[in-house]
């Protein structure tokens, strides 16, 4: 709640308290007037003077009540205006924050597109190198097994998003680096062993 709203509500509360008090005084004077009505209108001069004085005060308080009621209408409008201004400022703050976020959010599409394009390019290169290794007799696995492991690696990465196709059990999850590094380590050892045998024979 802003200071403007608090101030407006404080003024309204003060006016409503004054109105409550004024109405209470009116009710009290009305009760006294009813007590004085009979004697004042049947020749009791003292009662007449009291009633006349009471009526004059009642008129003043009644005017005060009307004035307070009008002031309260205005005060309520001021509260509504202050609350509307508070809401408007909150919405403006959200709009400013949204614009700041959009500076980075608007770049995500291009970054995702570039990242996926880079991924596809790497996968195409991996595919090409797999077939080259296969022709050399150093295939890390069957091509179908490579595809399965790559698909599982993609699925594993998507597990943290709402883009995953299905939930992968822990034993199904793969990491591109672990899979490819594992294959590479095995083939490197095999190729190195072959070269070592050639060197010893020489």
N, C-alpha and C. Protein backbone atom coordinates (compact mmCIF):
# COMPACT_ATOMS: atom_id res chain seq x y z
N UNK A 1 0.84 -1.19 0.00
CA UNK A 1 0.00 0.00 0.00
C UNK A 1 0.88 1.24 0.00
N UNK A 2 0.60 2.16 -0.91
CA UNK A 2 1.42 3.37 -1.01
C UNK A 2 1.00 4.39 0.04
N UNK A 3 1.85 5.41 0.20
CA UNK A 3 1.55 6.49 1.15
C UNK A 3 0.29 7.22 0.75
N UNK A 4 0.08 7.41 -0.57
CA UNK A 4 -1.11 8.12 -1.04
C UNK A 4 -2.38 7.38 -0.64
N UNK A 5 -2.36 6.07 -0.78
CA UNK A 5 -3.54 5.27 -0.40
C UNK A 5 -3.74 5.33 1.11
N UNK A 6 -2.67 5.19 1.85
CA UNK A 6 -2.76 5.24 3.32
C UNK A 6 -3.31 6.58 3.78
N UNK A 7 -2.81 7.67 3.18
CA UNK A 7 -3.28 9.01 3.55
C UNK A 7 -4.76 9.18 3.23
N UNK A 8 -5.16 8.73 2.03
CA UNK A 8 -6.56 8.88 1.62
C UNK A 8 -7.47 8.08 2.53
N UNK A 9 -7.06 6.87 2.89
CA UNK A 9 -7.87 6.05 3.79
C UNK A 9 -7.91 6.64 5.20
N UNK A 10 -6.80 7.27 5.62
CA UNK A 10 -6.77 7.92 6.92
C UNK A 10 -7.76 9.07 6.99
N UNK A 11 -7.80 9.87 5.92
CA UNK A 11 -8.76 10.98 5.87
C UNK A 11 -10.18 10.44 5.90
N UNK A 12 -10.46 9.41 5.12
CA UNK A 12 -11.80 8.82 5.08
C UNK A 12 -12.21 8.29 6.45
N UNK A 13 -11.29 7.61 7.11
CA UNK A 13 -11.60 7.07 8.43
C UNK A 13 -11.90 8.18 9.42
N UNK A 14 -11.14 9.27 9.34
CA UNK A 14 -11.37 10.41 10.23
C UNK A 14 -12.75 11.03 10.00
N UNK A 15 -13.14 11.17 8.74
CA UNK A 15 -14.47 11.73 8.42
C UNK A 15 -15.59 10.80 8.88
N UNK A 16 -15.38 9.51 8.69
CA UNK A 16 -16.41 8.55 9.12
C UNK A 16 -16.57 8.56 10.64
N UNK A 17 -15.47 8.76 11.36
CA UNK A 17 -15.54 8.85 12.82
C UNK A 17 -16.33 10.10 13.23
N UNK A 18 -16.05 11.22 12.55
CA UNK A 18 -16.78 12.46 12.84
C UNK A 18 -18.27 12.31 12.55
N UNK A 19 -18.59 11.63 11.45
CA UNK A 19 -19.99 11.42 11.09
C UNK A 19 -20.68 10.54 12.13
N UNK A 20 -20.01 9.51 12.58
CA UNK A 20 -20.57 8.63 13.61
C UNK A 20 -20.89 9.42 14.88
N UNK A 21 -19.93 10.27 15.26
CA UNK A 21 -20.13 11.09 16.48
C UNK A 21 -21.27 12.08 16.28
N UNK A 22 -21.33 12.71 15.10
CA UNK A 22 -22.38 13.70 14.84
C UNK A 22 -23.76 13.04 14.85
N UNK A 23 -23.87 11.88 14.27
CA UNK A 23 -25.15 11.17 14.27
C UNK A 23 -25.55 10.75 15.68
N UNK A 24 -24.54 10.39 16.48
CA UNK A 24 -24.82 10.03 17.88
C UNK A 24 -25.35 11.24 18.63
N UNK A 25 -24.77 12.43 18.38
CA UNK A 25 -25.25 13.65 19.02
C UNK A 25 -26.67 13.97 18.57
N UNK A 26 -26.95 13.77 17.29
CA UNK A 26 -28.30 14.02 16.78
C UNK A 26 -29.32 13.11 17.46
N UNK A 27 -28.96 11.86 17.60
CA UNK A 27 -29.87 10.91 18.25
C UNK A 27 -30.11 11.31 19.70
N UNK A 28 -29.05 11.73 20.36
CA UNK A 28 -29.17 12.16 21.76
C UNK A 28 -30.06 13.39 21.87
N UNK A 29 -29.86 14.36 20.96
CA UNK A 29 -30.69 15.58 20.98
C UNK A 29 -32.14 15.28 20.63
N UNK A 30 -32.36 14.34 19.73
CA UNK A 30 -33.72 13.98 19.37
C UNK A 30 -34.45 13.37 20.56
N UNK A 31 -33.72 12.54 21.32
CA UNK A 31 -34.33 11.94 22.51
C UNK A 31 -34.69 13.02 23.53
N UNK A 32 -33.81 14.01 23.73
CA UNK A 32 -34.09 15.10 24.67
C UNK A 32 -35.24 15.96 24.17
N UNK A 33 -35.30 16.18 22.85
CA UNK A 33 -36.37 16.99 22.28
C UNK A 33 -37.72 16.32 22.49
N UNK A 34 -37.76 15.02 22.40
CA UNK A 34 -39.01 14.30 22.62
C UNK A 34 -39.47 14.44 24.07
N UNK A 35 -38.48 14.49 24.98
CA UNK A 35 -38.83 14.66 26.40
C UNK A 35 -39.39 16.06 26.66
N UNK A 36 -38.83 17.05 25.96
CA UNK A 36 -39.23 18.45 26.17
C UNK A 36 -40.46 18.84 25.36
N UNK A 37 -40.84 18.04 24.40
CA UNK A 37 -41.91 18.43 23.47
C UNK A 37 -43.22 18.74 24.19
N UNK A 38 -43.65 17.91 25.09
CA UNK A 38 -44.95 18.12 25.75
C UNK A 38 -44.95 19.37 26.64
N UNK A 39 -43.99 19.45 27.59
CA UNK A 39 -44.04 20.65 28.44
C UNK A 39 -43.79 21.94 27.65
N UNK A 40 -42.92 21.88 26.64
CA UNK A 40 -42.62 23.09 25.88
C UNK A 40 -43.83 23.57 25.11
N UNK A 41 -44.72 22.67 24.75
CA UNK A 41 -45.89 23.05 23.97
C UNK A 41 -47.17 23.14 24.80
N UNK A 42 -46.99 23.11 26.12
CA UNK A 42 -48.17 23.25 27.00
C UNK A 42 -47.95 24.33 28.04
N UNK A 43 -47.14 25.32 27.71
CA UNK A 43 -47.00 26.50 28.56
C UNK A 43 -45.79 26.54 29.45
N UNK A 44 -44.93 25.57 29.45
CA UNK A 44 -43.74 25.58 30.30
C UNK A 44 -42.66 26.38 29.56
N UNK A 45 -42.45 27.62 30.01
CA UNK A 45 -41.50 28.52 29.34
C UNK A 45 -40.07 28.00 29.42
N UNK A 46 -39.71 27.44 30.56
CA UNK A 46 -38.35 26.92 30.71
C UNK A 46 -38.10 25.78 29.70
N UNK A 47 -39.09 24.89 29.58
CA UNK A 47 -38.97 23.80 28.63
C UNK A 47 -38.93 24.32 27.20
N UNK A 48 -39.70 25.41 26.94
CA UNK A 48 -39.74 26.02 25.62
C UNK A 48 -38.36 26.55 25.22
N UNK A 49 -37.72 27.25 26.16
CA UNK A 49 -36.40 27.81 25.88
C UNK A 49 -35.38 26.68 25.63
N UNK A 50 -35.46 25.64 26.46
CA UNK A 50 -34.54 24.51 26.27
C UNK A 50 -34.76 23.85 24.91
N UNK A 51 -36.04 23.70 24.55
CA UNK A 51 -36.34 23.05 23.27
C UNK A 51 -35.88 23.91 22.10
N UNK A 52 -36.10 25.22 22.22
CA UNK A 52 -35.65 26.11 21.14
C UNK A 52 -34.13 26.07 20.98
N UNK A 53 -33.40 26.09 22.11
CA UNK A 53 -31.95 26.01 22.05
C UNK A 53 -31.49 24.67 21.48
N UNK A 54 -32.21 23.62 21.88
CA UNK A 54 -31.88 22.28 21.39
C UNK A 54 -32.12 22.17 19.89
N UNK A 55 -33.23 22.78 19.42
CA UNK A 55 -33.54 22.73 17.99
C UNK A 55 -32.47 23.47 17.17
N UNK A 56 -31.98 24.58 17.72
CA UNK A 56 -30.94 25.35 17.03
C UNK A 56 -29.65 24.53 16.92
N UNK A 57 -29.30 23.85 18.02
CA UNK A 57 -28.11 22.99 18.00
C UNK A 57 -28.32 21.81 17.05
N UNK A 58 -29.56 21.26 17.08
CA UNK A 58 -29.85 20.11 16.22
C UNK A 58 -29.68 20.50 14.75
N UNK A 59 -30.14 21.71 14.41
CA UNK A 59 -30.02 22.18 13.03
C UNK A 59 -28.55 22.30 12.63
N UNK A 60 -27.71 22.78 13.57
CA UNK A 60 -26.28 22.91 13.28
C UNK A 60 -25.64 21.54 13.07
N UNK A 61 -25.97 20.59 13.95
CA UNK A 61 -25.40 19.25 13.84
C UNK A 61 -25.92 18.55 12.59
N UNK A 62 -27.22 18.75 12.28
CA UNK A 62 -27.79 18.15 11.08
C UNK A 62 -27.07 18.66 9.83
N UNK A 63 -26.76 19.95 9.83
CA UNK A 63 -26.01 20.52 8.71
C UNK A 63 -24.61 19.92 8.64
N UNK A 64 -24.02 19.71 9.83
CA UNK A 64 -22.69 19.09 9.89
C UNK A 64 -22.74 17.67 9.33
N UNK A 65 -23.81 16.92 9.64
CA UNK A 65 -23.95 15.56 9.13
C UNK A 65 -24.01 15.55 7.61
N UNK A 66 -24.83 16.46 7.05
CA UNK A 66 -24.95 16.55 5.59
C UNK A 66 -23.59 16.88 4.98
N UNK A 67 -22.87 17.80 5.61
CA UNK A 67 -21.56 18.20 5.10
C UNK A 67 -20.57 17.03 5.17
N UNK A 68 -20.61 16.31 6.29
CA UNK A 68 -19.71 15.17 6.45
C UNK A 68 -20.02 14.07 5.44
N UNK A 69 -21.31 13.83 5.20
CA UNK A 69 -21.69 12.81 4.22
C UNK A 69 -21.18 13.17 2.82
N UNK A 70 -21.26 14.45 2.48
CA UNK A 70 -20.75 14.90 1.18
C UNK A 70 -19.22 14.75 1.13
N UNK A 71 -18.56 15.08 2.26
CA UNK A 71 -17.10 14.98 2.31
C UNK A 71 -16.66 13.52 2.19
N UNK A 72 -17.45 12.62 2.78
CA UNK A 72 -17.11 11.19 2.72
C UNK A 72 -17.22 10.67 1.30
N UNK A 73 -18.22 11.15 0.56
CA UNK A 73 -18.34 10.75 -0.85
C UNK A 73 -17.07 11.13 -1.61
N UNK A 74 -16.59 12.34 -1.37
CA UNK A 74 -15.36 12.80 -2.03
C UNK A 74 -14.15 12.01 -1.55
N UNK A 75 -14.11 11.75 -0.24
CA UNK A 75 -12.98 11.00 0.33
C UNK A 75 -12.91 9.59 -0.25
N UNK A 76 -14.07 8.95 -0.43
CA UNK A 76 -14.09 7.61 -1.02
C UNK A 76 -13.57 7.64 -2.46
N UNK A 77 -13.92 8.72 -3.16
CA UNK A 77 -13.42 8.86 -4.53
C UNK A 77 -11.91 9.04 -4.52
N UNK A 78 -11.41 9.78 -3.54
CA UNK A 78 -9.96 9.95 -3.44
C UNK A 78 -9.26 8.62 -3.14
N UNK A 79 -9.87 7.80 -2.29
CA UNK A 79 -9.31 6.48 -1.99
C UNK A 79 -9.29 5.63 -3.26
N UNK A 80 -10.41 5.66 -3.99
CA UNK A 80 -10.49 4.88 -5.23
C UNK A 80 -9.44 5.36 -6.24
N UNK A 81 -9.28 6.67 -6.34
CA UNK A 81 -8.29 7.22 -7.27
C UNK A 81 -6.87 6.82 -6.87
N UNK A 82 -6.60 6.87 -5.56
CA UNK A 82 -5.26 6.50 -5.07
C UNK A 82 -5.00 5.02 -5.31
N UNK A 83 -6.02 4.18 -5.07
CA UNK A 83 -5.85 2.74 -5.30
C UNK A 83 -5.68 2.45 -6.78
N UNK A 84 -6.43 3.18 -7.62
CA UNK A 84 -6.29 2.99 -9.07
C UNK A 84 -4.89 3.39 -9.52
N UNK A 85 -4.38 4.49 -8.95
CA UNK A 85 -3.02 4.93 -9.30
C UNK A 85 -1.99 3.91 -8.84
N UNK A 86 -2.24 3.31 -7.67
CA UNK A 86 -1.34 2.28 -7.15
C UNK A 86 -1.32 1.06 -8.07
N UNK A 87 -2.52 0.64 -8.49
CA UNK A 87 -2.62 -0.50 -9.42
C UNK A 87 -1.94 -0.17 -10.74
N UNK A 88 -2.18 1.06 -11.22
CA UNK A 88 -1.59 1.48 -12.49
C UNK A 88 -0.06 1.46 -12.42
N UNK A 89 0.48 1.94 -11.30
CA UNK A 89 1.93 1.96 -11.15
C UNK A 89 2.48 0.55 -11.06
N UNK A 90 1.74 -0.34 -10.39
CA UNK A 90 2.17 -1.74 -10.31
C UNK A 90 2.19 -2.37 -11.70
N UNK A 91 1.16 -2.09 -12.49
CA UNK A 91 1.10 -2.62 -13.84
C UNK A 91 2.20 -2.03 -14.72
N UNK A 92 2.49 -0.76 -14.52
CA UNK A 92 3.58 -0.12 -15.27
C UNK A 92 4.91 -0.75 -14.89
N UNK A 93 5.06 -1.08 -13.59
CA UNK A 93 6.28 -1.74 -13.14
C UNK A 93 6.44 -3.11 -13.79
N UNK A 94 5.31 -3.85 -13.89
CA UNK A 94 5.35 -5.15 -14.54
C UNK A 94 5.71 -5.00 -16.02
N UNK A 95 5.15 -3.96 -16.64
CA UNK A 95 5.45 -3.73 -18.06
C UNK A 95 6.93 -3.42 -18.26
N UNK A 96 7.50 -2.61 -17.36
CA UNK A 96 8.94 -2.29 -17.46
C UNK A 96 9.78 -3.54 -17.27
N UNK A 97 9.38 -4.37 -16.30
CA UNK A 97 10.13 -5.62 -16.04
C UNK A 97 10.02 -6.57 -17.23
N UNK A 98 8.80 -6.61 -17.84
CA UNK A 98 8.60 -7.47 -19.00
C UNK A 98 9.49 -7.03 -20.16
N UNK A 99 9.59 -5.72 -20.36
CA UNK A 99 10.44 -5.22 -21.44
C UNK A 99 11.90 -5.59 -21.23
N UNK A 100 12.33 -5.54 -19.96
CA UNK A 100 13.71 -5.94 -19.66
C UNK A 100 13.93 -7.42 -19.96
N UNK A 101 12.96 -8.25 -19.57
CA UNK A 101 13.07 -9.68 -19.83
C UNK A 101 13.03 -9.98 -21.32
N UNK A 102 12.23 -9.21 -22.05
CA UNK A 102 12.10 -9.46 -23.48
C UNK A 102 13.39 -9.18 -24.23
N UNK A 103 14.27 -8.35 -23.65
CA UNK A 103 15.57 -8.10 -24.30
C UNK A 103 16.34 -9.40 -24.45
N UNK A 104 16.29 -10.26 -23.42
CA UNK A 104 16.99 -11.55 -23.51
C UNK A 104 16.09 -12.63 -24.12
N UNK A 105 14.80 -12.60 -23.75
CA UNK A 105 13.88 -13.63 -24.25
C UNK A 105 13.81 -13.63 -25.77
N UNK A 106 13.81 -12.44 -26.37
CA UNK A 106 13.67 -12.34 -27.82
C UNK A 106 14.87 -12.94 -28.56
N UNK A 107 16.00 -13.09 -27.85
CA UNK A 107 17.20 -13.66 -28.47
C UNK A 107 17.24 -15.18 -28.37
N UNK A 108 16.37 -15.75 -27.53
CA UNK A 108 16.44 -17.19 -27.29
C UNK A 108 16.14 -18.00 -28.54
N UNK A 109 15.19 -17.54 -29.35
CA UNK A 109 14.84 -18.28 -30.55
C UNK A 109 16.03 -18.45 -31.47
N UNK A 110 16.74 -17.35 -31.71
CA UNK A 110 17.92 -17.40 -32.57
C UNK A 110 19.00 -18.28 -31.96
N UNK A 111 19.15 -18.19 -30.63
CA UNK A 111 20.17 -18.99 -29.96
C UNK A 111 19.82 -20.48 -30.01
N UNK A 112 18.54 -20.79 -29.83
CA UNK A 112 18.11 -22.18 -29.93
C UNK A 112 18.31 -22.70 -31.35
N UNK A 113 17.96 -21.86 -32.32
CA UNK A 113 18.11 -22.27 -33.72
C UNK A 113 19.58 -22.51 -34.04
N UNK A 114 20.44 -21.59 -33.60
CA UNK A 114 21.87 -21.75 -33.86
C UNK A 114 22.44 -22.96 -33.14
N UNK A 115 21.98 -23.15 -31.88
CA UNK A 115 22.47 -24.29 -31.12
C UNK A 115 22.05 -25.61 -31.74
N UNK A 116 20.80 -25.68 -32.19
CA UNK A 116 20.33 -26.91 -32.81
C UNK A 116 21.01 -27.15 -34.16
N UNK A 117 21.24 -26.06 -34.90
CA UNK A 117 21.95 -26.20 -36.18
C UNK A 117 23.36 -26.72 -35.94
N UNK A 118 24.02 -26.22 -34.90
CA UNK A 118 25.36 -26.68 -34.57
C UNK A 118 25.32 -28.15 -34.15
N UNK A 119 24.29 -28.53 -33.39
CA UNK A 119 24.14 -29.92 -32.99
C UNK A 119 23.99 -30.84 -34.21
N UNK A 120 23.11 -30.42 -35.13
CA UNK A 120 22.88 -31.22 -36.34
C UNK A 120 24.18 -31.36 -37.13
N UNK A 121 24.92 -30.25 -37.25
CA UNK A 121 26.19 -30.28 -37.98
C UNK A 121 27.17 -31.25 -37.32
N UNK A 122 27.23 -31.24 -35.99
CA UNK A 122 28.11 -32.15 -35.28
C UNK A 122 27.67 -33.60 -35.47
N UNK A 123 26.36 -33.80 -35.45
CA UNK A 123 25.85 -35.16 -35.62
C UNK A 123 26.15 -35.68 -37.03
N UNK A 124 25.99 -34.81 -38.03
CA UNK A 124 26.31 -35.20 -39.41
C UNK A 124 27.79 -35.55 -39.51
N UNK A 125 28.65 -34.75 -38.85
CA UNK A 125 30.09 -35.03 -38.87
C UNK A 125 30.39 -36.35 -38.16
N UNK A 126 29.72 -36.60 -37.04
CA UNK A 126 29.92 -37.86 -36.33
C UNK A 126 29.49 -39.04 -37.19
N UNK A 127 28.36 -38.86 -37.89
CA UNK A 127 27.88 -39.93 -38.78
C UNK A 127 28.90 -40.22 -39.87
N UNK A 128 29.43 -39.18 -40.46
CA UNK A 128 30.42 -39.33 -41.53
C UNK A 128 31.67 -40.04 -41.02
N UNK A 129 32.13 -39.65 -39.84
CA UNK A 129 33.33 -40.25 -39.28
C UNK A 129 33.08 -41.69 -38.83
N UNK A 130 31.86 -41.99 -38.37
CA UNK A 130 31.53 -43.37 -38.02
C UNK A 130 31.66 -44.27 -39.25
N UNK A 131 31.06 -43.83 -40.35
CA UNK A 131 31.13 -44.65 -41.57
C UNK A 131 32.57 -44.78 -42.07
N UNK A 132 33.38 -43.73 -41.90
CA UNK A 132 34.79 -43.80 -42.29
C UNK A 132 35.52 -44.83 -41.43
N UNK A 133 35.25 -44.81 -40.11
CA UNK A 133 35.85 -45.80 -39.22
C UNK A 133 35.37 -47.21 -39.57
N UNK A 134 34.10 -47.31 -39.94
CA UNK A 134 33.55 -48.62 -40.31
C UNK A 134 34.26 -49.18 -41.53
N UNK A 135 34.53 -48.31 -42.49
CA UNK A 135 35.23 -48.77 -43.71
C UNK A 135 36.66 -49.20 -43.40
N UNK A 136 37.22 -48.59 -42.35
CA UNK A 136 38.58 -48.96 -41.95
C UNK A 136 38.61 -50.21 -41.07
N UNK A 137 37.43 -50.71 -40.75
CA UNK A 137 37.37 -51.88 -39.88
C UNK A 137 37.41 -51.54 -38.41
N UNK A 138 37.18 -50.30 -38.08
CA UNK A 138 37.22 -49.86 -36.68
C UNK A 138 35.86 -49.26 -36.27
N UNK A 139 34.82 -49.94 -36.62
CA UNK A 139 33.48 -49.48 -36.24
C UNK A 139 33.31 -49.59 -34.73
N UNK A 140 32.89 -48.51 -34.03
CA UNK A 140 32.74 -48.56 -32.57
C UNK A 140 31.56 -49.42 -32.14
N UNK A 141 30.60 -49.60 -33.04
CA UNK A 141 29.42 -50.42 -32.75
C UNK A 141 28.64 -50.54 -34.05
N UNK A 142 27.52 -51.23 -34.00
CA UNK A 142 26.68 -51.25 -35.20
C UNK A 142 26.03 -49.89 -35.35
N UNK A 143 25.67 -49.55 -36.58
CA UNK A 143 25.05 -48.24 -36.81
C UNK A 143 23.73 -48.10 -36.07
N UNK A 144 22.97 -49.19 -35.99
CA UNK A 144 21.70 -49.14 -35.27
C UNK A 144 21.93 -48.86 -33.79
N UNK A 145 23.00 -49.43 -33.21
CA UNK A 145 23.32 -49.19 -31.81
C UNK A 145 23.75 -47.74 -31.60
N UNK A 146 24.49 -47.19 -32.55
CA UNK A 146 24.88 -45.78 -32.47
C UNK A 146 23.63 -44.90 -32.46
N UNK A 147 22.69 -45.20 -33.37
CA UNK A 147 21.47 -44.40 -33.44
C UNK A 147 20.67 -44.48 -32.15
N UNK A 148 20.58 -45.69 -31.58
CA UNK A 148 19.85 -45.86 -30.33
C UNK A 148 20.48 -45.04 -29.22
N UNK A 149 21.81 -45.11 -29.09
CA UNK A 149 22.50 -44.38 -28.03
C UNK A 149 22.41 -42.87 -28.23
N UNK A 150 22.50 -42.41 -29.47
CA UNK A 150 22.36 -40.98 -29.73
C UNK A 150 20.94 -40.50 -29.40
N UNK A 151 19.95 -41.30 -29.76
CA UNK A 151 18.56 -40.95 -29.45
C UNK A 151 18.35 -40.90 -27.94
N UNK A 152 18.94 -41.87 -27.22
CA UNK A 152 18.83 -41.87 -25.77
C UNK A 152 19.54 -40.66 -25.15
N UNK A 153 20.66 -40.27 -25.74
CA UNK A 153 21.38 -39.09 -25.23
C UNK A 153 20.55 -37.83 -25.43
N UNK A 154 19.89 -37.75 -26.60
CA UNK A 154 19.00 -36.60 -26.84
C UNK A 154 17.86 -36.61 -25.83
N UNK A 155 17.24 -37.80 -25.64
CA UNK A 155 16.15 -37.92 -24.68
C UNK A 155 16.57 -37.56 -23.28
N UNK A 156 17.79 -37.93 -22.91
CA UNK A 156 18.30 -37.61 -21.58
C UNK A 156 18.40 -36.11 -21.38
N UNK A 157 18.92 -35.42 -22.40
CA UNK A 157 19.05 -33.96 -22.29
C UNK A 157 17.68 -33.29 -22.20
N UNK A 158 16.68 -33.88 -22.85
CA UNK A 158 15.34 -33.28 -22.85
C UNK A 158 14.53 -33.65 -21.62
N UNK A 159 15.07 -34.54 -20.77
CA UNK A 159 14.33 -34.93 -19.57
C UNK A 159 13.99 -33.74 -18.70
N UNK A 160 14.87 -32.75 -18.67
CA UNK A 160 14.67 -31.59 -17.81
C UNK A 160 13.69 -30.58 -18.40
N UNK A 161 13.16 -30.86 -19.58
CA UNK A 161 12.22 -29.94 -20.22
C UNK A 161 10.89 -30.64 -20.45
N UNK A 162 9.92 -29.86 -20.95
CA UNK A 162 8.63 -30.47 -21.31
C UNK A 162 8.63 -30.93 -22.76
N UNK A 163 9.81 -31.04 -23.35
CA UNK A 163 9.92 -31.49 -24.73
C UNK A 163 10.23 -32.98 -24.84
N UNK A 164 10.45 -33.63 -23.68
CA UNK A 164 10.82 -35.05 -23.75
C UNK A 164 9.65 -35.88 -24.26
N UNK A 165 9.98 -36.91 -25.03
CA UNK A 165 8.95 -37.77 -25.62
C UNK A 165 8.45 -38.80 -24.62
N UNK A 166 9.33 -39.30 -23.78
CA UNK A 166 8.94 -40.23 -22.74
C UNK A 166 9.96 -40.17 -21.62
N UNK A 167 9.56 -40.62 -20.46
CA UNK A 167 10.48 -40.62 -19.32
C UNK A 167 11.49 -41.74 -19.47
N UNK A 168 12.75 -41.42 -19.29
CA UNK A 168 13.82 -42.42 -19.38
C UNK A 168 14.22 -42.89 -17.99
N UNK A 169 14.26 -44.19 -17.83
CA UNK A 169 14.75 -44.75 -16.57
C UNK A 169 16.24 -44.44 -16.45
N UNK A 170 16.78 -44.40 -15.23
CA UNK A 170 18.20 -44.07 -15.06
C UNK A 170 19.14 -44.89 -15.92
N UNK A 171 18.88 -46.20 -16.08
CA UNK A 171 19.79 -47.04 -16.85
C UNK A 171 19.70 -46.76 -18.36
N UNK A 172 18.65 -46.04 -18.79
CA UNK A 172 18.51 -45.73 -20.21
C UNK A 172 19.18 -44.40 -20.59
N UNK A 173 19.52 -43.62 -19.61
CA UNK A 173 20.02 -42.28 -19.89
C UNK A 173 21.47 -42.32 -20.38
N UNK A 174 21.76 -41.42 -21.32
CA UNK A 174 23.08 -41.37 -21.93
C UNK A 174 23.60 -39.92 -21.93
N UNK A 175 24.91 -39.82 -22.03
CA UNK A 175 25.57 -38.53 -22.18
C UNK A 175 26.40 -38.61 -23.45
N UNK A 176 26.26 -37.63 -24.33
CA UNK A 176 27.00 -37.68 -25.61
C UNK A 176 28.49 -37.88 -25.38
N UNK A 177 29.04 -37.12 -24.44
CA UNK A 177 30.49 -37.21 -24.20
C UNK A 177 30.89 -38.60 -23.72
N UNK A 178 30.11 -39.14 -22.77
CA UNK A 178 30.46 -40.46 -22.23
C UNK A 178 30.38 -41.55 -23.31
N UNK A 179 29.32 -41.48 -24.12
CA UNK A 179 29.14 -42.50 -25.16
C UNK A 179 30.26 -42.44 -26.18
N UNK A 180 30.47 -41.25 -26.75
CA UNK A 180 31.48 -41.10 -27.80
C UNK A 180 32.89 -41.31 -27.25
N UNK A 181 33.15 -40.75 -26.05
CA UNK A 181 34.48 -40.94 -25.45
C UNK A 181 34.74 -42.42 -25.16
N UNK A 182 33.70 -43.13 -24.71
CA UNK A 182 33.86 -44.55 -24.45
C UNK A 182 34.22 -45.33 -25.70
N UNK A 183 33.48 -45.05 -26.78
CA UNK A 183 33.80 -45.70 -28.04
C UNK A 183 35.19 -45.35 -28.52
N UNK A 184 35.52 -44.05 -28.42
CA UNK A 184 36.82 -43.58 -28.91
C UNK A 184 37.96 -44.21 -28.12
N UNK A 185 37.79 -44.29 -26.81
CA UNK A 185 38.84 -44.88 -25.97
C UNK A 185 39.09 -46.33 -26.36
N UNK A 186 38.02 -47.07 -26.58
CA UNK A 186 38.13 -48.49 -26.96
C UNK A 186 38.85 -48.63 -28.31
N UNK A 187 38.42 -47.82 -29.28
CA UNK A 187 39.02 -47.93 -30.62
C UNK A 187 40.45 -47.42 -30.64
N UNK A 188 40.74 -46.41 -29.84
CA UNK A 188 42.11 -45.88 -29.78
C UNK A 188 43.05 -46.94 -29.22
N UNK A 189 42.57 -47.63 -28.19
CA UNK A 189 43.39 -48.70 -27.60
C UNK A 189 43.60 -49.82 -28.61
N UNK A 190 42.53 -50.13 -29.35
CA UNK A 190 42.64 -51.20 -30.35
C UNK A 190 43.61 -50.83 -31.47
N UNK A 191 43.49 -49.58 -31.98
CA UNK A 191 44.36 -49.13 -33.07
C UNK A 191 45.81 -49.03 -32.59
N UNK A 192 46.01 -48.53 -31.35
CA UNK A 192 47.36 -48.42 -30.80
C UNK A 192 47.99 -49.79 -30.61
N UNK A 193 47.17 -50.75 -30.15
CA UNK A 193 47.68 -52.11 -29.97
C UNK A 193 48.12 -52.69 -31.30
N UNK A 194 47.34 -52.40 -32.33
CA UNK A 194 47.71 -52.91 -33.67
C UNK A 194 49.02 -52.32 -34.13
N UNK A 195 49.21 -51.04 -33.90
CA UNK A 195 50.46 -50.38 -34.30
C UNK A 195 51.63 -50.92 -33.49
N UNK A 196 51.39 -51.17 -32.20
CA UNK A 196 52.47 -51.70 -31.37
C UNK A 196 52.92 -53.08 -31.83
N UNK A 197 51.96 -53.89 -32.25
CA UNK A 197 52.33 -55.20 -32.74
C UNK A 197 53.18 -55.11 -34.01
N UNK A 198 52.83 -54.15 -34.86
CA UNK A 198 53.60 -53.92 -36.10
C UNK A 198 55.02 -53.48 -35.76
N UNK A 199 55.18 -52.59 -34.77
CA UNK A 199 56.50 -52.08 -34.40
C UNK A 199 57.38 -53.21 -33.85
N UNK A 200 56.82 -54.08 -33.05
CA UNK A 200 57.61 -55.16 -32.48
C UNK A 200 58.04 -56.15 -33.55
N UNK A 201 57.12 -56.37 -34.48
CA UNK A 201 57.44 -57.31 -35.57
C UNK A 201 58.56 -56.75 -36.43
N UNK A 202 58.60 -55.43 -36.60
CA UNK A 202 59.64 -54.78 -37.40
C UNK A 202 60.96 -54.89 -36.67
